[in-house]
Structures are given as C-alpha cells and as structure tokens.
Amino acid sequence: MAKAHMRAAGSGRGAGGKKGAAAKPVKVKFTVDCQKPVDDNIIEAKGLERFLQTHIKVDGKCNNLGDRVQVSREKAKVFVTAELPFSKRYIKYLTKKYLKKQMLRDFMRVVSSRDTVYELRYFQMPQEDETAA
C-alpha cells in the first residue's frame, strides 16, 4: 500500500507533481560544406549564407529568424543553428533552390556526408572517348 502512495505523490505526473523550471530549448547545428565549388570559384559561400538568411521561414514567414535560427559562415562552410523542431531536409531543399537560381543544379548536387552535414558535390560526368569515332 505504501508503494502506491509513493508512486502517486512522487511520480511528477498529474496535478500534484510540479516539474522543474522550463526546459532549455534544444539547438541543433547543421553545416553546408561548399569547399569544392568555392575552391573552383563556381559559387561564393557568402551568397548561400545570404540566401538562407532571407529564405528560411520561421512561423511561416521569411526574414523572421529571431533568436531561434542563426545562419553564419566560416570560409567555405555555412552553419545553420536552430531550435528544434527544425528539419535537416529543409536545409537541403533551400540549398537545391539556391543552386537552381544560380543555374548550377545540372552540375552539382547536395549530399549528406554525416548526420548534420550536407556537402556540395559535382555530378560524375562520364568521360567521352574521342577515339571511339
């Protein structure tokens, strides 16, 4: 009988149990690595950073990043730090949209290289032999 009383009073569930202070929002950091195209002077990481800042929607509105989403850049890498819930797939969608706008979508793709990292890579183009003719 004592166990039932302990469970009800100390479980933290229900009206009687009070939780601690509000949980700090969990932030996740996504990276878009543009090293190869930046080295080849195809794109600038600054342009992708600016595009993400203006196109990421928070609460259904663009240019509404506030404190919940930060976009920063370090050389050829663009970092998006956001409070959860935030979709990694959304970063891929916007990066592909940027490539399309720059007319580079036919030559480059966005690949997930690690858990929170996307990388811009060139498509593998088959080499045509000139001696085959």
N, C-alpha and C. Protein backbone atom coordinates (compact mmCIF):
# COMPACT_ATOMS: atom_id res chain seq x y z
N MET A 1 0.81 -1.18 0.00
CA MET A 1 0.00 0.00 0.00
C MET A 1 0.86 1.26 0.00
N ALA A 2 1.98 1.21 0.65
CA ALA A 2 2.88 2.35 0.70
C ALA A 2 3.46 2.64 -0.68
N LYS A 3 3.66 1.60 -1.48
CA LYS A 3 4.21 1.79 -2.82
C LYS A 3 3.26 2.59 -3.70
N ALA A 4 1.98 2.31 -3.64
CA ALA A 4 1.01 3.03 -4.46
C ALA A 4 0.98 4.50 -4.07
N HIS A 5 1.08 4.79 -2.78
CA HIS A 5 1.08 6.18 -2.32
C HIS A 5 2.33 6.91 -2.82
N MET A 6 3.50 6.23 -2.77
CA MET A 6 4.76 6.84 -3.21
C MET A 6 4.72 7.11 -4.72
N ARG A 7 4.16 6.18 -5.43
CA ARG A 7 4.12 6.33 -6.88
C ARG A 7 3.26 7.53 -7.26
N ALA A 8 2.15 7.70 -6.63
CA ALA A 8 1.23 8.79 -6.98
C ALA A 8 1.80 10.14 -6.58
N ALA A 9 2.47 10.21 -5.45
CA ALA A 9 2.94 11.51 -4.97
C ALA A 9 4.25 11.94 -5.63
N GLY A 10 5.14 11.02 -5.87
CA GLY A 10 6.46 11.42 -6.34
C GLY A 10 6.72 11.20 -7.82
N SER A 11 5.73 10.81 -8.58
CA SER A 11 5.98 10.48 -9.98
C SER A 11 6.14 11.70 -10.87
N GLY A 12 5.61 12.85 -10.44
CA GLY A 12 5.72 14.05 -11.26
C GLY A 12 4.62 14.15 -12.28
N ARG A 13 3.77 13.16 -12.33
CA ARG A 13 2.64 13.19 -13.27
C ARG A 13 1.40 13.63 -12.54
N GLY A 14 0.49 14.21 -13.25
CA GLY A 14 -0.78 14.60 -12.65
C GLY A 14 -0.74 16.02 -12.12
N ALA A 15 -1.78 16.40 -11.43
CA ALA A 15 -1.92 17.77 -10.96
C ALA A 15 -1.03 18.09 -9.78
N GLY A 16 -0.75 17.10 -8.93
CA GLY A 16 0.00 17.36 -7.71
C GLY A 16 1.49 17.51 -7.93
N GLY A 17 2.06 16.84 -8.92
CA GLY A 17 3.50 16.87 -9.12
C GLY A 17 3.92 18.07 -9.94
N LYS A 18 4.87 18.86 -9.41
CA LYS A 18 5.36 20.03 -10.13
C LYS A 18 6.68 19.68 -10.79
N LYS A 19 6.85 20.08 -12.00
CA LYS A 19 8.11 19.87 -12.72
C LYS A 19 9.05 21.02 -12.37
N GLY A 20 10.31 20.87 -12.76
CA GLY A 20 11.29 21.92 -12.54
C GLY A 20 11.07 23.09 -13.49
N ALA A 21 12.05 23.95 -13.60
CA ALA A 21 11.96 25.11 -14.49
C ALA A 21 11.77 24.64 -15.93
N ALA A 22 11.28 25.51 -16.77
CA ALA A 22 11.03 25.17 -18.16
C ALA A 22 12.33 24.70 -18.81
N ALA A 23 12.24 23.65 -19.61
CA ALA A 23 13.43 23.08 -20.25
C ALA A 23 14.01 24.06 -21.26
N LYS A 24 15.32 24.12 -21.29
CA LYS A 24 16.00 24.98 -22.25
C LYS A 24 15.81 24.38 -23.64
N PRO A 25 15.48 25.19 -24.63
CA PRO A 25 15.26 24.64 -25.97
C PRO A 25 16.52 23.98 -26.52
N VAL A 26 16.33 22.84 -27.16
CA VAL A 26 17.45 22.09 -27.73
C VAL A 26 17.80 22.71 -29.07
N LYS A 27 19.09 23.01 -29.25
CA LYS A 27 19.55 23.59 -30.52
C LYS A 27 20.36 22.54 -31.27
N VAL A 28 20.23 22.58 -32.58
CA VAL A 28 20.98 21.67 -33.43
C VAL A 28 21.71 22.51 -34.48
N LYS A 29 22.92 22.06 -34.84
CA LYS A 29 23.74 22.83 -35.78
C LYS A 29 23.94 22.02 -37.06
N PHE A 30 23.45 22.57 -38.16
CA PHE A 30 23.61 21.94 -39.47
C PHE A 30 24.70 22.67 -40.23
N THR A 31 25.42 21.95 -41.07
CA THR A 31 26.53 22.51 -41.85
C THR A 31 26.32 22.21 -43.33
N VAL A 32 26.56 23.22 -44.16
CA VAL A 32 26.59 23.01 -45.61
C VAL A 32 28.02 23.31 -46.04
N ASP A 33 28.71 22.26 -46.48
CA ASP A 33 30.12 22.38 -46.87
C ASP A 33 30.20 22.66 -48.37
N CYS A 34 30.68 23.86 -48.72
CA CYS A 34 30.78 24.29 -50.12
C CYS A 34 32.23 24.34 -50.59
N GLN A 35 33.10 23.56 -49.98
CA GLN A 35 34.54 23.68 -50.21
C GLN A 35 34.94 23.51 -51.68
N LYS A 36 34.45 22.47 -52.33
CA LYS A 36 34.87 22.19 -53.72
C LYS A 36 34.44 23.29 -54.69
N PRO A 37 33.16 23.70 -54.70
CA PRO A 37 32.78 24.76 -55.65
C PRO A 37 33.39 26.12 -55.31
N VAL A 38 33.66 26.39 -54.04
CA VAL A 38 34.29 27.66 -53.66
C VAL A 38 35.74 27.66 -54.13
N ASP A 39 36.43 26.53 -53.98
CA ASP A 39 37.82 26.44 -54.45
C ASP A 39 37.91 26.63 -55.96
N ASP A 40 36.88 26.18 -56.68
CA ASP A 40 36.85 26.32 -58.14
C ASP A 40 36.24 27.64 -58.60
N ASN A 41 35.94 28.53 -57.68
CA ASN A 41 35.32 29.84 -57.96
C ASN A 41 33.99 29.72 -58.72
N ILE A 42 33.23 28.68 -58.40
CA ILE A 42 31.91 28.50 -59.01
C ILE A 42 30.86 29.29 -58.25
N ILE A 43 30.88 29.19 -56.92
CA ILE A 43 29.94 29.95 -56.08
C ILE A 43 30.70 30.59 -54.93
N GLU A 44 30.03 31.48 -54.23
CA GLU A 44 30.58 32.07 -53.02
C GLU A 44 29.72 31.63 -51.85
N ALA A 45 30.37 31.24 -50.77
CA ALA A 45 29.63 30.81 -49.58
C ALA A 45 28.82 31.97 -49.01
N LYS A 46 29.30 33.19 -49.23
CA LYS A 46 28.58 34.37 -48.75
C LYS A 46 27.20 34.46 -49.41
N GLY A 47 27.12 34.10 -50.68
CA GLY A 47 25.84 34.14 -51.39
C GLY A 47 24.85 33.12 -50.84
N LEU A 48 25.32 31.91 -50.54
CA LEU A 48 24.46 30.89 -49.96
C LEU A 48 24.00 31.30 -48.56
N GLU A 49 24.93 31.88 -47.79
CA GLU A 49 24.57 32.35 -46.44
C GLU A 49 23.46 33.39 -46.52
N ARG A 50 23.61 34.37 -47.40
CA ARG A 50 22.60 35.42 -47.56
C ARG A 50 21.26 34.84 -48.01
N PHE A 51 21.32 33.87 -48.96
CA PHE A 51 20.11 33.22 -49.46
C PHE A 51 19.37 32.51 -48.33
N LEU A 52 20.10 31.77 -47.50
CA LEU A 52 19.47 31.05 -46.40
C LEU A 52 18.87 32.02 -45.38
N GLN A 53 19.57 33.12 -45.11
CA GLN A 53 19.04 34.11 -44.16
C GLN A 53 17.72 34.70 -44.63
N THR A 54 17.59 34.92 -45.92
CA THR A 54 16.38 35.56 -46.43
C THR A 54 15.26 34.57 -46.72
N HIS A 55 15.58 33.28 -46.90
CA HIS A 55 14.56 32.33 -47.32
C HIS A 55 14.10 31.35 -46.25
N ILE A 56 14.84 31.19 -45.15
CA ILE A 56 14.39 30.29 -44.09
C ILE A 56 13.14 30.88 -43.45
N LYS A 57 12.11 30.07 -43.37
CA LYS A 57 10.85 30.52 -42.78
C LYS A 57 10.76 30.07 -41.32
N VAL A 58 10.39 31.00 -40.46
CA VAL A 58 10.10 30.70 -39.06
C VAL A 58 8.68 31.19 -38.81
N ASP A 59 7.84 30.33 -38.31
CA ASP A 59 6.42 30.62 -38.12
C ASP A 59 5.75 31.04 -39.42
N GLY A 60 6.17 30.45 -40.53
CA GLY A 60 5.56 30.70 -41.82
C GLY A 60 5.95 32.00 -42.49
N LYS A 61 6.99 32.68 -41.97
CA LYS A 61 7.40 33.97 -42.55
C LYS A 61 8.90 33.97 -42.83
N CYS A 62 9.26 34.51 -44.00
CA CYS A 62 10.68 34.71 -44.33
C CYS A 62 11.20 35.92 -43.55
N ASN A 63 12.51 36.03 -43.44
CA ASN A 63 13.16 37.14 -42.72
C ASN A 63 12.64 37.27 -41.29
N ASN A 64 12.36 36.13 -40.65
CA ASN A 64 11.81 36.13 -39.30
C ASN A 64 12.64 35.20 -38.42
N LEU A 65 13.97 35.23 -38.58
CA LEU A 65 14.81 34.26 -37.88
C LEU A 65 14.80 34.46 -36.38
N GLY A 66 14.89 35.71 -35.93
CA GLY A 66 14.90 35.99 -34.49
C GLY A 66 16.03 35.27 -33.78
N ASP A 67 15.74 34.80 -32.57
CA ASP A 67 16.74 34.08 -31.78
C ASP A 67 16.70 32.58 -32.02
N ARG A 68 15.69 32.12 -32.73
CA ARG A 68 15.52 30.68 -32.88
C ARG A 68 16.39 30.08 -33.98
N VAL A 69 16.81 30.87 -34.96
CA VAL A 69 17.65 30.37 -36.05
C VAL A 69 18.78 31.37 -36.30
N GLN A 70 20.01 30.88 -36.36
CA GLN A 70 21.15 31.71 -36.72
C GLN A 70 21.84 31.09 -37.92
N VAL A 71 22.22 31.93 -38.88
CA VAL A 71 22.97 31.48 -40.05
C VAL A 71 24.31 32.19 -40.03
N SER A 72 25.39 31.42 -40.08
CA SER A 72 26.73 32.01 -40.06
C SER A 72 27.60 31.29 -41.08
N ARG A 73 28.78 31.87 -41.31
CA ARG A 73 29.68 31.32 -42.32
C ARG A 73 31.10 31.37 -41.79
N GLU A 74 31.86 30.33 -42.13
CA GLU A 74 33.27 30.29 -41.80
C GLU A 74 34.00 29.75 -43.02
N LYS A 75 34.66 30.64 -43.74
CA LYS A 75 35.33 30.31 -45.01
C LYS A 75 34.33 29.70 -45.98
N ALA A 76 34.43 28.39 -46.26
CA ALA A 76 33.57 27.78 -47.27
C ALA A 76 32.46 26.93 -46.65
N LYS A 77 32.19 27.11 -45.37
CA LYS A 77 31.14 26.35 -44.71
C LYS A 77 30.08 27.31 -44.18
N VAL A 78 28.83 26.93 -44.38
CA VAL A 78 27.70 27.73 -43.89
C VAL A 78 27.05 26.92 -42.78
N PHE A 79 26.85 27.56 -41.62
CA PHE A 79 26.28 26.90 -40.45
C PHE A 79 24.88 27.45 -40.18
N VAL A 80 23.95 26.55 -39.92
CA VAL A 80 22.60 26.93 -39.53
C VAL A 80 22.36 26.32 -38.16
N THR A 81 22.23 27.18 -37.15
CA THR A 81 21.96 26.73 -35.80
C THR A 81 20.51 27.07 -35.49
N ALA A 82 19.73 26.06 -35.12
CA ALA A 82 18.30 26.28 -34.94
C ALA A 82 17.78 25.49 -33.75
N GLU A 83 16.69 26.03 -33.17
CA GLU A 83 16.00 25.30 -32.12
C GLU A 83 15.14 24.23 -32.76
N LEU A 84 15.05 23.10 -32.10
CA LEU A 84 14.16 22.05 -32.58
C LEU A 84 12.72 22.45 -32.33
N PRO A 85 11.77 22.10 -33.11
CA PRO A 85 11.88 21.26 -34.29
C PRO A 85 12.35 22.05 -35.51
N PHE A 86 13.34 21.51 -36.21
CA PHE A 86 13.85 22.11 -37.44
C PHE A 86 14.35 20.98 -38.32
N SER A 87 13.94 20.96 -39.56
CA SER A 87 14.22 19.84 -40.45
C SER A 87 15.54 20.02 -41.19
N LYS A 88 16.36 18.98 -41.16
CA LYS A 88 17.59 18.98 -41.94
C LYS A 88 17.26 18.98 -43.43
N ARG A 89 16.17 18.32 -43.77
CA ARG A 89 15.72 18.23 -45.15
C ARG A 89 15.39 19.62 -45.71
N TYR A 90 14.93 20.53 -44.85
CA TYR A 90 14.60 21.90 -45.27
C TYR A 90 15.86 22.63 -45.73
N ILE A 91 16.99 22.37 -45.07
CA ILE A 91 18.27 22.96 -45.48
C ILE A 91 18.65 22.45 -46.88
N LYS A 92 18.44 21.15 -47.11
CA LYS A 92 18.75 20.58 -48.42
C LYS A 92 17.85 21.19 -49.49
N TYR A 93 16.57 21.33 -49.18
CA TYR A 93 15.62 21.93 -50.12
C TYR A 93 16.05 23.35 -50.50
N LEU A 94 16.40 24.16 -49.51
CA LEU A 94 16.80 25.55 -49.79
C LEU A 94 18.13 25.61 -50.53
N THR A 95 19.05 24.71 -50.22
CA THR A 95 20.35 24.69 -50.92
C THR A 95 20.14 24.32 -52.38
N LYS A 96 19.26 23.35 -52.65
CA LYS A 96 18.96 22.99 -54.04
C LYS A 96 18.28 24.14 -54.76
N LYS A 97 17.43 24.85 -54.06
CA LYS A 97 16.75 26.02 -54.64
C LYS A 97 17.78 27.10 -55.00
N TYR A 98 18.78 27.29 -54.14
CA TYR A 98 19.86 28.24 -54.42
C TYR A 98 20.65 27.82 -55.66
N LEU A 99 20.98 26.54 -55.75
CA LEU A 99 21.71 26.05 -56.92
C LEU A 99 20.90 26.24 -58.20
N LYS A 100 19.60 26.02 -58.12
CA LYS A 100 18.73 26.21 -59.27
C LYS A 100 18.72 27.67 -59.71
N LYS A 101 18.66 28.57 -58.72
CA LYS A 101 18.66 30.01 -59.00
C LYS A 101 19.97 30.44 -59.67
N GLN A 102 21.07 29.81 -59.27
CA GLN A 102 22.38 30.12 -59.84
C GLN A 102 22.65 29.34 -61.13
N MET A 103 21.65 28.55 -61.57
CA MET A 103 21.76 27.71 -62.77
C MET A 103 22.91 26.71 -62.66
N LEU A 104 23.08 26.14 -61.47
CA LEU A 104 24.12 25.15 -61.24
C LEU A 104 23.54 23.79 -60.88
N ARG A 105 22.24 23.67 -60.88
CA ARG A 105 21.58 22.44 -60.45
C ARG A 105 21.91 21.26 -61.37
N ASP A 106 22.23 21.52 -62.62
CA ASP A 106 22.56 20.44 -63.55
C ASP A 106 23.97 19.90 -63.34
N PHE A 107 24.80 20.62 -62.59
CA PHE A 107 26.19 20.23 -62.42
C PHE A 107 26.55 19.81 -61.00
N MET A 108 25.73 20.21 -60.03
CA MET A 108 26.04 19.95 -58.63
C MET A 108 24.87 19.31 -57.92
N ARG A 109 25.19 18.60 -56.84
CA ARG A 109 24.15 18.01 -56.02
C ARG A 109 24.47 18.21 -54.55
N VAL A 110 23.47 18.04 -53.72
CA VAL A 110 23.61 18.20 -52.29
C VAL A 110 23.57 16.81 -51.67
N VAL A 111 24.66 16.42 -51.00
CA VAL A 111 24.80 15.08 -50.46
C VAL A 111 25.00 15.16 -48.95
N SER A 112 24.33 14.29 -48.22
CA SER A 112 24.53 14.22 -46.78
C SER A 112 25.77 13.39 -46.50
N SER A 113 26.81 14.03 -46.00
CA SER A 113 28.05 13.30 -45.74
C SER A 113 28.11 12.76 -44.32
N ARG A 114 27.47 13.45 -43.38
CA ARG A 114 27.37 12.99 -42.00
C ARG A 114 25.99 13.33 -41.46
N ASP A 115 25.80 13.09 -40.19
CA ASP A 115 24.48 13.24 -39.59
C ASP A 115 23.90 14.65 -39.72
N THR A 116 24.70 15.67 -39.50
CA THR A 116 24.21 17.04 -39.57
C THR A 116 24.95 17.87 -40.62
N VAL A 117 25.57 17.19 -41.59
CA VAL A 117 26.39 17.89 -42.58
C VAL A 117 25.91 17.57 -43.99
N TYR A 118 25.73 18.61 -44.79
CA TYR A 118 25.50 18.46 -46.23
C TYR A 118 26.73 18.95 -46.95
N GLU A 119 27.00 18.36 -48.10
CA GLU A 119 28.17 18.72 -48.89
C GLU A 119 27.73 18.93 -50.33
N LEU A 120 28.28 19.96 -50.97
CA LEU A 120 28.01 20.20 -52.38
C LEU A 120 29.05 19.44 -53.20
N ARG A 121 28.57 18.57 -54.08
CA ARG A 121 29.47 17.77 -54.91
C ARG A 121 29.07 17.91 -56.37
N TYR A 122 30.05 17.68 -57.23
CA TYR A 122 29.77 17.67 -58.66
C TYR A 122 29.19 16.32 -59.06
N PHE A 123 28.34 16.33 -60.08
CA PHE A 123 27.87 15.07 -60.64
C PHE A 123 29.03 14.38 -61.33
N GLN A 124 29.04 13.05 -61.31
CA GLN A 124 30.07 12.29 -62.02
C GLN A 124 29.67 12.24 -63.49
N MET A 125 30.35 13.00 -64.29
CA MET A 125 30.07 13.02 -65.73
C MET A 125 30.89 11.93 -66.41
N PRO A 126 30.24 11.11 -67.24
CA PRO A 126 31.01 10.07 -67.94
C PRO A 126 31.95 10.71 -68.96
N GLN A 127 33.17 10.22 -69.00
CA GLN A 127 34.16 10.75 -69.93
C GLN A 127 33.92 10.15 -71.31
N GLU A 128 33.77 11.00 -72.29
CA GLU A 128 33.55 10.52 -73.67
C GLU A 128 34.90 10.30 -74.34
N ASP A 129 35.04 9.15 -74.96
CA ASP A 129 36.29 8.86 -75.68
C ASP A 129 36.21 9.44 -77.08
N GLU A 130 37.22 10.21 -77.44
CA GLU A 130 37.25 10.78 -78.78
C GLU A 130 37.72 9.74 -79.81
N THR A 131 38.37 8.68 -79.33
CA THR A 131 38.87 7.65 -80.25
C THR A 131 37.78 6.65 -80.64
N ALA A 132 36.62 6.72 -80.02
CA ALA A 132 35.54 5.77 -80.33
C ALA A 132 34.90 6.05 -81.68
N ALA A 133 35.13 7.21 -82.26
CA ALA A 133 34.50 7.56 -83.55
C ALA A 133 35.15 6.92 -84.68
